[in-house]
Amino acid sequence: MWCSMLNLGYCVRSTINYMIHDKNKIDLSGLKGPQITSKVFIILYFVPMVLFLFVKDSTSYMFIALFGLIGISGLIKKYYQNIFEKGKEIIH
């Protein structure tokens, strides 16, 4: 919410011509969020498999599956990407 208000304030203070030019763009490359290691994604992938055995409510299945999906996407982005890069280094 506060980020939208900050952007809105920037738009109000600036003219359209000023915001259109490339040299006036806001650089966000230095901002990074918290880094999650691949071990956390492995845990998020395997814990729902165990929890499915003990949960009887169908609504809980959706929330548990959401954690599993987050784990899978993190594994694909972080863990498997590192493995493929190491494999390329060994081949070359």
N, C-alpha and C. Protein backbone atom coordinates (compact mmCIF):
# COMPACT_ATOMS: atom_id res chain seq x y z
N MET A 1 0.81 -1.19 0.00
CA MET A 1 0.00 0.00 0.00
C MET A 1 0.86 1.26 0.00
N TRP A 2 1.87 1.27 0.88
CA TRP A 2 2.70 2.47 0.98
C TRP A 2 3.52 2.67 -0.29
N CYS A 3 3.84 1.57 -0.97
CA CYS A 3 4.60 1.69 -2.22
C CYS A 3 3.74 2.36 -3.30
N SER A 4 2.47 2.02 -3.34
CA SER A 4 1.57 2.66 -4.30
C SER A 4 1.42 4.14 -4.00
N MET A 5 1.35 4.49 -2.73
CA MET A 5 1.23 5.90 -2.36
C MET A 5 2.51 6.65 -2.73
N LEU A 6 3.66 6.00 -2.57
CA LEU A 6 4.93 6.61 -2.93
C LEU A 6 4.99 6.87 -4.43
N ASN A 7 4.57 5.88 -5.21
CA ASN A 7 4.55 6.06 -6.67
C ASN A 7 3.55 7.13 -7.09
N LEU A 8 2.42 7.17 -6.41
CA LEU A 8 1.42 8.19 -6.73
C LEU A 8 1.98 9.58 -6.44
N GLY A 9 2.71 9.73 -5.34
CA GLY A 9 3.32 11.01 -5.01
C GLY A 9 4.35 11.43 -6.05
N TYR A 10 5.11 10.45 -6.57
CA TYR A 10 6.09 10.74 -7.62
C TYR A 10 5.38 11.23 -8.88
N CYS A 11 4.26 10.59 -9.22
CA CYS A 11 3.52 10.99 -10.42
C CYS A 11 2.92 12.38 -10.28
N VAL A 12 2.46 12.72 -9.09
CA VAL A 12 1.85 14.03 -8.88
C VAL A 12 2.91 15.13 -8.97
N ARG A 13 4.11 14.86 -8.46
CA ARG A 13 5.17 15.88 -8.46
C ARG A 13 5.84 16.05 -9.81
N SER A 14 5.73 15.08 -10.69
CA SER A 14 6.45 15.11 -11.96
C SER A 14 5.50 15.35 -13.12
N THR A 15 6.04 15.92 -14.18
CA THR A 15 5.25 16.10 -15.40
C THR A 15 5.34 14.85 -16.25
N ILE A 16 4.43 14.71 -17.20
CA ILE A 16 4.42 13.53 -18.07
C ILE A 16 5.68 13.49 -18.92
N ASN A 17 6.11 14.61 -19.44
CA ASN A 17 7.33 14.65 -20.27
C ASN A 17 8.55 14.21 -19.46
N TYR A 18 8.61 14.58 -18.20
CA TYR A 18 9.74 14.20 -17.35
C TYR A 18 9.76 12.69 -17.13
N MET A 19 8.59 12.08 -16.94
CA MET A 19 8.53 10.64 -16.65
C MET A 19 8.75 9.78 -17.88
N ILE A 20 8.54 10.31 -19.08
CA ILE A 20 8.66 9.53 -20.31
C ILE A 20 10.13 9.27 -20.68
N HIS A 21 11.02 10.18 -20.43
CA HIS A 21 12.42 10.05 -20.85
C HIS A 21 13.14 8.94 -20.08
N ASP A 22 14.02 8.23 -20.79
CA ASP A 22 14.75 7.11 -20.21
C ASP A 22 15.69 7.52 -19.10
N LYS A 23 16.30 8.68 -19.21
CA LYS A 23 17.29 9.09 -18.22
C LYS A 23 16.66 9.39 -16.86
N ASN A 24 15.35 9.51 -16.80
CA ASN A 24 14.66 9.85 -15.56
C ASN A 24 14.03 8.64 -14.88
N LYS A 25 14.29 7.44 -15.37
CA LYS A 25 13.70 6.25 -14.78
C LYS A 25 14.29 5.97 -13.40
N ILE A 26 13.47 5.41 -12.54
CA ILE A 26 13.91 5.03 -11.20
C ILE A 26 14.63 3.69 -11.30
N ASP A 27 15.84 3.62 -10.77
CA ASP A 27 16.63 2.39 -10.82
C ASP A 27 16.36 1.57 -9.56
N LEU A 28 15.80 0.39 -9.74
CA LEU A 28 15.49 -0.51 -8.62
C LEU A 28 16.39 -1.73 -8.59
N SER A 29 17.47 -1.71 -9.36
CA SER A 29 18.33 -2.90 -9.43
C SER A 29 19.07 -3.17 -8.13
N GLY A 30 19.29 -2.17 -7.30
CA GLY A 30 20.00 -2.37 -6.05
C GLY A 30 19.13 -2.90 -4.93
N LEU A 31 17.81 -2.88 -5.11
CA LEU A 31 16.90 -3.35 -4.07
C LEU A 31 16.68 -4.85 -4.21
N LYS A 32 16.86 -5.56 -3.13
CA LYS A 32 16.62 -6.99 -3.12
C LYS A 32 15.87 -7.36 -1.85
N GLY A 33 14.98 -8.30 -1.98
CA GLY A 33 14.24 -8.79 -0.82
C GLY A 33 15.06 -9.82 -0.07
N PRO A 34 14.47 -10.44 0.92
CA PRO A 34 15.18 -11.46 1.67
C PRO A 34 15.48 -12.67 0.78
N GLN A 35 16.68 -13.18 0.90
CA GLN A 35 17.10 -14.32 0.10
C GLN A 35 16.73 -15.62 0.81
N ILE A 36 16.01 -16.48 0.13
CA ILE A 36 15.60 -17.77 0.69
C ILE A 36 16.51 -18.83 0.08
N THR A 37 17.09 -19.66 0.93
CA THR A 37 18.01 -20.69 0.44
C THR A 37 17.23 -21.85 -0.16
N SER A 38 17.93 -22.69 -0.90
CA SER A 38 17.28 -23.83 -1.53
C SER A 38 16.84 -24.86 -0.50
N LYS A 39 17.45 -24.88 0.68
CA LYS A 39 17.04 -25.82 1.73
C LYS A 39 15.62 -25.53 2.20
N VAL A 40 15.25 -24.26 2.27
CA VAL A 40 13.89 -23.90 2.68
C VAL A 40 12.89 -24.39 1.64
N PHE A 41 13.22 -24.28 0.37
CA PHE A 41 12.32 -24.75 -0.67
C PHE A 41 12.19 -26.26 -0.65
N ILE A 42 13.26 -26.96 -0.32
CA ILE A 42 13.19 -28.42 -0.19
C ILE A 42 12.25 -28.80 0.94
N ILE A 43 12.33 -28.08 2.05
CA ILE A 43 11.44 -28.34 3.18
C ILE A 43 10.00 -28.03 2.79
N LEU A 44 9.77 -26.91 2.10
CA LEU A 44 8.43 -26.56 1.67
C LEU A 44 7.87 -27.57 0.67
N TYR A 45 8.73 -28.30 0.00
CA TYR A 45 8.28 -29.31 -0.95
C TYR A 45 7.90 -30.61 -0.24
N PHE A 46 8.69 -31.04 0.75
CA PHE A 46 8.46 -32.33 1.38
C PHE A 46 7.49 -32.30 2.55
N VAL A 47 7.39 -31.21 3.28
CA VAL A 47 6.49 -31.15 4.44
C VAL A 47 5.02 -31.36 4.05
N PRO A 48 4.53 -30.75 2.97
CA PRO A 48 3.13 -31.03 2.60
C PRO A 48 2.86 -32.49 2.29
N MET A 49 3.84 -33.21 1.79
CA MET A 49 3.63 -34.64 1.52
C MET A 49 3.33 -35.40 2.80
N VAL A 50 4.00 -35.02 3.87
CA VAL A 50 3.77 -35.67 5.16
C VAL A 50 2.45 -35.19 5.76
N LEU A 51 2.16 -33.91 5.64
CA LEU A 51 0.94 -33.37 6.23
C LEU A 51 -0.32 -33.90 5.55
N PHE A 52 -0.26 -34.25 4.28
CA PHE A 52 -1.42 -34.81 3.61
C PHE A 52 -1.89 -36.11 4.26
N LEU A 53 -0.99 -36.84 4.88
CA LEU A 53 -1.35 -38.09 5.53
C LEU A 53 -2.18 -37.88 6.79
N PHE A 54 -2.02 -36.74 7.45
CA PHE A 54 -2.66 -36.51 8.74
C PHE A 54 -3.87 -35.58 8.69
N VAL A 55 -4.05 -34.85 7.62
CA VAL A 55 -5.13 -33.86 7.53
C VAL A 55 -6.36 -34.50 6.89
N LYS A 56 -7.52 -34.25 7.50
CA LYS A 56 -8.76 -34.82 6.97
C LYS A 56 -9.66 -33.77 6.31
N ASP A 57 -9.41 -32.50 6.54
CA ASP A 57 -10.26 -31.43 6.03
C ASP A 57 -9.85 -31.04 4.61
N SER A 58 -10.82 -30.90 3.71
CA SER A 58 -10.49 -30.59 2.32
C SER A 58 -9.98 -29.16 2.15
N THR A 59 -10.41 -28.24 2.98
CA THR A 59 -9.92 -26.86 2.89
C THR A 59 -8.44 -26.79 3.25
N SER A 60 -8.03 -27.59 4.20
CA SER A 60 -6.62 -27.62 4.59
C SER A 60 -5.75 -28.14 3.47
N TYR A 61 -6.30 -29.02 2.64
CA TYR A 61 -5.53 -29.54 1.51
C TYR A 61 -5.09 -28.42 0.57
N MET A 62 -5.95 -27.43 0.37
CA MET A 62 -5.60 -26.32 -0.53
C MET A 62 -4.44 -25.51 0.02
N PHE A 63 -4.47 -25.21 1.32
CA PHE A 63 -3.38 -24.42 1.90
C PHE A 63 -2.08 -25.21 1.94
N ILE A 64 -2.18 -26.48 2.22
CA ILE A 64 -0.97 -27.32 2.23
C ILE A 64 -0.41 -27.44 0.81
N ALA A 65 -1.30 -27.58 -0.16
CA ALA A 65 -0.85 -27.66 -1.56
C ALA A 65 -0.19 -26.36 -2.00
N LEU A 66 -0.67 -25.23 -1.48
CA LEU A 66 -0.05 -23.95 -1.81
C LEU A 66 1.41 -23.92 -1.37
N PHE A 67 1.69 -24.42 -0.16
CA PHE A 67 3.08 -24.49 0.30
C PHE A 67 3.90 -25.42 -0.57
N GLY A 68 3.30 -26.51 -1.01
CA GLY A 68 4.01 -27.41 -1.92
C GLY A 68 4.33 -26.76 -3.25
N LEU A 69 3.39 -25.97 -3.77
CA LEU A 69 3.63 -25.27 -5.04
C LEU A 69 4.73 -24.22 -4.90
N ILE A 70 4.75 -23.53 -3.77
CA ILE A 70 5.83 -22.56 -3.52
C ILE A 70 7.17 -23.29 -3.48
N GLY A 71 7.19 -24.45 -2.82
CA GLY A 71 8.41 -25.24 -2.77
C GLY A 71 8.87 -25.71 -4.14
N ILE A 72 7.94 -26.16 -4.96
CA ILE A 72 8.30 -26.62 -6.31
C ILE A 72 8.85 -25.48 -7.15
N SER A 73 8.18 -24.33 -7.10
CA SER A 73 8.67 -23.21 -7.91
C SER A 73 10.04 -22.74 -7.44
N GLY A 74 10.27 -22.75 -6.14
CA GLY A 74 11.59 -22.38 -5.62
C GLY A 74 12.66 -23.38 -6.00
N LEU A 75 12.30 -24.67 -5.98
CA LEU A 75 13.27 -25.69 -6.38
C LEU A 75 13.66 -25.53 -7.84
N ILE A 76 12.69 -25.24 -8.67
CA ILE A 76 12.99 -25.07 -10.10
C ILE A 76 13.86 -23.84 -10.32
N LYS A 77 13.55 -22.75 -9.62
CA LYS A 77 14.29 -21.51 -9.83
C LYS A 77 15.68 -21.54 -9.21
N LYS A 78 15.83 -22.10 -8.04
CA LYS A 78 17.11 -22.02 -7.31
C LYS A 78 17.91 -23.31 -7.41
N TYR A 79 17.33 -24.41 -6.95
CA TYR A 79 18.08 -25.65 -6.77
C TYR A 79 18.47 -26.27 -8.11
N TYR A 80 17.49 -26.50 -8.97
CA TYR A 80 17.79 -27.16 -10.24
C TYR A 80 18.62 -26.27 -11.16
N GLN A 81 18.42 -24.98 -11.09
CA GLN A 81 19.22 -24.07 -11.91
C GLN A 81 20.69 -24.16 -11.52
N ASN A 82 20.98 -24.25 -10.23
CA ASN A 82 22.36 -24.39 -9.78
C ASN A 82 22.96 -25.72 -10.23
N ILE A 83 22.17 -26.77 -10.20
CA ILE A 83 22.66 -28.08 -10.64
C ILE A 83 22.99 -28.05 -12.13
N PHE A 84 22.13 -27.46 -12.94
CA PHE A 84 22.38 -27.39 -14.38
C PHE A 84 23.60 -26.54 -14.70
N GLU A 85 23.80 -25.45 -13.96
CA GLU A 85 24.97 -24.60 -14.19
C GLU A 85 26.25 -25.33 -13.83
N LYS A 86 26.23 -26.11 -12.75
CA LYS A 86 27.42 -26.90 -12.38
C LYS A 86 27.69 -27.97 -13.42
N GLY A 87 26.64 -28.56 -13.97
CA GLY A 87 26.79 -29.58 -15.02
C GLY A 87 27.40 -28.99 -16.28
N LYS A 88 27.02 -27.78 -16.63
CA LYS A 88 27.59 -27.13 -17.80
C LYS A 88 29.07 -26.86 -17.60
N GLU A 89 29.45 -26.47 -16.37
CA GLU A 89 30.86 -26.21 -16.09
C GLU A 89 31.69 -27.48 -16.20
N ILE A 90 31.14 -28.59 -15.78
CA ILE A 90 31.87 -29.87 -15.84
C ILE A 90 32.03 -30.30 -17.29
N ILE A 91 31.00 -30.14 -18.11
CA ILE A 91 31.07 -30.55 -19.52
C ILE A 91 32.07 -29.70 -20.28
N HIS A 92 32.09 -28.41 -20.02
CA HIS A 92 32.98 -27.51 -20.78
C HIS A 92 34.26 -27.47 -20.06
